[in-house]
Amino acid sequence: KCRNEYYLHLWELSDWEQEGMICLHELISREEELAEDIPRLRKYFKTKFRNRILDYIRKQESQKRRYDKEPYEEVGELSHRISEGGLWLDDYYLFHETLRNYRNKQSKDKQEELERVLRNERFRGRQRVLRDLRIVFKEFDIRTY
């Protein structure tokens, strides 16, 4: 019933079943007499499982809000797609991780050029930096063909 009422991003049927089994195990191991009292076990399980799912939803929503509060960084053609909701939360996180890793691997001069691209400045060599970024971020190409 919870699966029909609530949506959790990237959860499949097996994830719901696994959470149910974990929840049931925690209930029975905490209060062993529940195993004999089935009607009471059902009530406890229903409440505990629903609260557990609501906790996951709250956690997922707080992650979304955290990303909304981050400063806006423009990266050529990709930046406006992120603000339009073109990437899911996990893709958005991966995008920022990829950008951070790329930035850390660059020399100081290349890092400065990258920062200038992120600030949308015009300078000689900008197209080269954008070409490099297109290669690094090719898995984030969400254009429709």
Protein backbone atom coordinates (compact mmCIF):
# COMPACT_ATOMS: atom_id res chain seq x y z
CA LYS A 1 0.00 0.00 0.00
CA CYS A 2 2.84 2.42 0.81
CA ARG A 3 4.37 1.76 -2.59
CA ASN A 4 1.17 2.99 -4.25
CA GLU A 5 0.92 6.06 -2.01
CA TYR A 6 4.53 7.25 -2.01
CA TYR A 7 7.25 7.59 -4.62
CA LEU A 8 10.93 7.14 -3.90
CA HIS A 9 13.33 7.95 -6.71
CA LEU A 10 15.22 4.90 -8.07
CA TRP A 11 13.39 2.42 -5.81
CA GLU A 12 12.22 -0.83 -7.36
CA LEU A 13 9.89 -3.51 -6.00
CA SER A 14 12.83 -5.41 -4.50
CA ASP A 15 13.88 -2.28 -2.55
CA TRP A 16 10.41 -1.98 -1.03
CA GLU A 17 10.41 -5.68 -0.11
CA GLN A 18 13.86 -5.45 1.41
CA GLU A 19 12.89 -2.45 3.55
CA GLY A 20 9.81 -4.36 4.69
CA MET A 21 11.91 -7.36 5.72
CA ILE A 22 14.40 -5.17 7.58
CA CYS A 23 11.56 -3.37 9.34
CA LEU A 24 9.89 -6.66 10.33
CA HIS A 25 13.20 -8.08 11.60
CA GLU A 26 13.79 -4.98 13.74
CA LEU A 27 10.29 -5.21 15.22
CA ILE A 28 10.52 -8.91 16.10
CA SER A 29 14.06 -8.67 17.47
CA ARG A 30 13.09 -5.70 19.65
CA GLU A 31 9.82 -7.20 20.94
CA GLU A 32 9.83 -11.00 20.64
CA GLU A 33 6.27 -11.42 21.96
CA LEU A 34 4.97 -9.74 18.78
CA ALA A 35 5.70 -12.92 16.81
CA GLU A 36 2.80 -14.66 18.61
CA ASP A 37 0.38 -11.71 18.49
CA ILE A 38 -0.21 -11.37 14.72
CA PRO A 39 -2.91 -8.61 14.80
CA ARG A 40 -0.70 -6.44 17.02
CA LEU A 41 2.33 -7.23 14.83
CA ARG A 42 0.41 -6.03 11.74
CA LYS A 43 -0.47 -2.72 13.42
CA TYR A 44 3.07 -2.16 14.64
CA PHE A 45 4.57 -3.12 11.29
CA LYS A 46 2.24 -0.87 9.32
CA THR A 47 3.09 2.13 11.51
CA LYS A 48 6.83 1.45 11.65
CA PHE A 49 7.10 0.79 7.90
CA ARG A 50 5.12 3.91 6.97
CA ASN A 51 7.29 6.05 9.28
CA ARG A 52 10.42 4.51 7.80
CA ILE A 53 9.26 5.34 4.24
CA LEU A 54 8.36 8.88 5.28
CA ASP A 55 11.88 9.27 6.72
CA TYR A 56 13.37 8.22 3.37
CA ILE A 57 11.13 10.70 1.56
CA ARG A 58 12.16 13.50 3.93
CA LYS A 59 15.80 12.62 3.40
CA GLN A 60 15.35 12.65 -0.38
CA GLU A 61 13.55 15.99 -0.27
CA SER A 62 16.23 17.55 1.95
CA GLN A 63 18.88 16.46 -0.56
CA LYS A 64 16.93 18.21 -3.31
CA ARG A 65 16.69 21.39 -1.25
CA ARG A 66 20.42 21.27 -0.49
CA TYR A 67 21.20 21.28 -4.20
CA ASP A 68 18.77 24.15 -4.77
CA LYS A 69 20.75 26.28 -2.31
CA GLU A 70 24.10 25.77 -4.05
CA PRO A 71 25.42 28.67 -6.13
CA TYR A 72 24.55 28.63 -9.81
CA GLU A 73 27.53 27.64 -11.97
CA GLU A 74 27.36 28.04 -15.72
CA VAL A 75 29.17 25.43 -17.77
CA GLY A 76 28.59 26.25 -21.41
CA GLU A 77 25.63 24.42 -22.88
CA LEU A 78 24.89 22.29 -19.81
CA SER A 79 24.17 24.94 -17.23
CA HIS A 80 20.72 25.97 -18.40
CA ARG A 81 19.61 22.33 -18.65
CA ILE A 82 20.34 21.78 -14.97
CA SER A 83 18.24 24.76 -13.90
CA GLU A 84 15.37 23.53 -16.12
CA GLY A 85 15.35 20.23 -14.24
CA GLY A 86 17.02 18.34 -17.08
CA LEU A 87 19.07 16.17 -14.72
CA TRP A 88 17.82 13.94 -11.91
CA LEU A 89 19.20 14.39 -8.42
CA ASP A 90 21.76 11.60 -8.75
CA ASP A 91 22.87 12.94 -12.15
CA TYR A 92 23.16 16.42 -10.67
CA TYR A 93 25.35 15.10 -7.86
CA LEU A 94 27.49 13.14 -10.35
CA PHE A 95 27.80 16.27 -12.51
CA HIS A 96 29.22 18.28 -9.60
CA GLU A 97 31.54 15.43 -8.59
CA THR A 98 32.82 15.19 -12.17
CA LEU A 99 33.37 18.95 -12.30
CA ARG A 100 35.23 18.89 -8.97
CA ASN A 101 37.46 15.99 -10.08
CA TYR A 102 38.16 17.64 -13.44
CA ARG A 103 39.05 20.92 -11.70
CA ASN A 104 41.44 19.19 -9.27
CA LYS A 105 43.33 17.44 -12.09
CA GLN A 106 44.04 20.68 -13.97
CA SER A 107 47.06 22.97 -13.65
CA LYS A 108 46.59 26.39 -12.03
CA ASP A 109 46.34 28.08 -15.45
CA LYS A 110 43.73 25.59 -16.65
CA GLN A 111 41.80 25.98 -13.39
CA GLU A 112 41.73 29.75 -13.90
CA GLU A 113 40.45 29.29 -17.46
CA LEU A 114 37.77 26.91 -16.17
CA GLU A 115 36.70 29.46 -13.56
CA ARG A 116 36.47 32.11 -16.28
CA VAL A 117 34.22 29.81 -18.34
CA LEU A 118 32.07 29.18 -15.26
CA ARG A 119 31.73 32.96 -14.82
CA ASN A 120 30.76 33.18 -18.53
CA GLU A 121 33.69 35.48 -19.35
CA ARG A 122 34.97 35.91 -22.90
CA PHE A 123 38.68 35.20 -23.45
CA ARG A 124 41.09 33.66 -25.94
CA GLY A 125 41.03 29.89 -25.54
CA ARG A 126 37.42 29.71 -24.31
CA GLN A 127 36.35 27.39 -27.16
CA ARG A 128 39.21 24.99 -26.36
CA VAL A 129 38.08 24.81 -22.73
CA LEU A 130 34.46 24.23 -23.83
CA ARG A 131 35.59 21.43 -26.18
CA ASP A 132 37.46 19.78 -23.30
CA LEU A 133 34.38 20.10 -21.09
CA ARG A 134 32.17 18.53 -23.76
CA ILE A 135 34.44 15.48 -23.74
CA VAL A 136 34.50 15.26 -19.94
CA PHE A 137 30.72 15.72 -19.67
CA LYS A 138 29.65 13.70 -22.72
CA GLU A 139 27.52 11.37 -20.56
CA PHE A 140 25.40 14.38 -19.52
CA ASP A 141 24.34 15.25 -23.08
CA ILE A 142 20.56 15.36 -22.70
CA ARG A 143 19.68 16.97 -26.02
CA THR A 144 16.87 15.33 -27.93
CA TYR A 145 17.70 14.32 -31.45
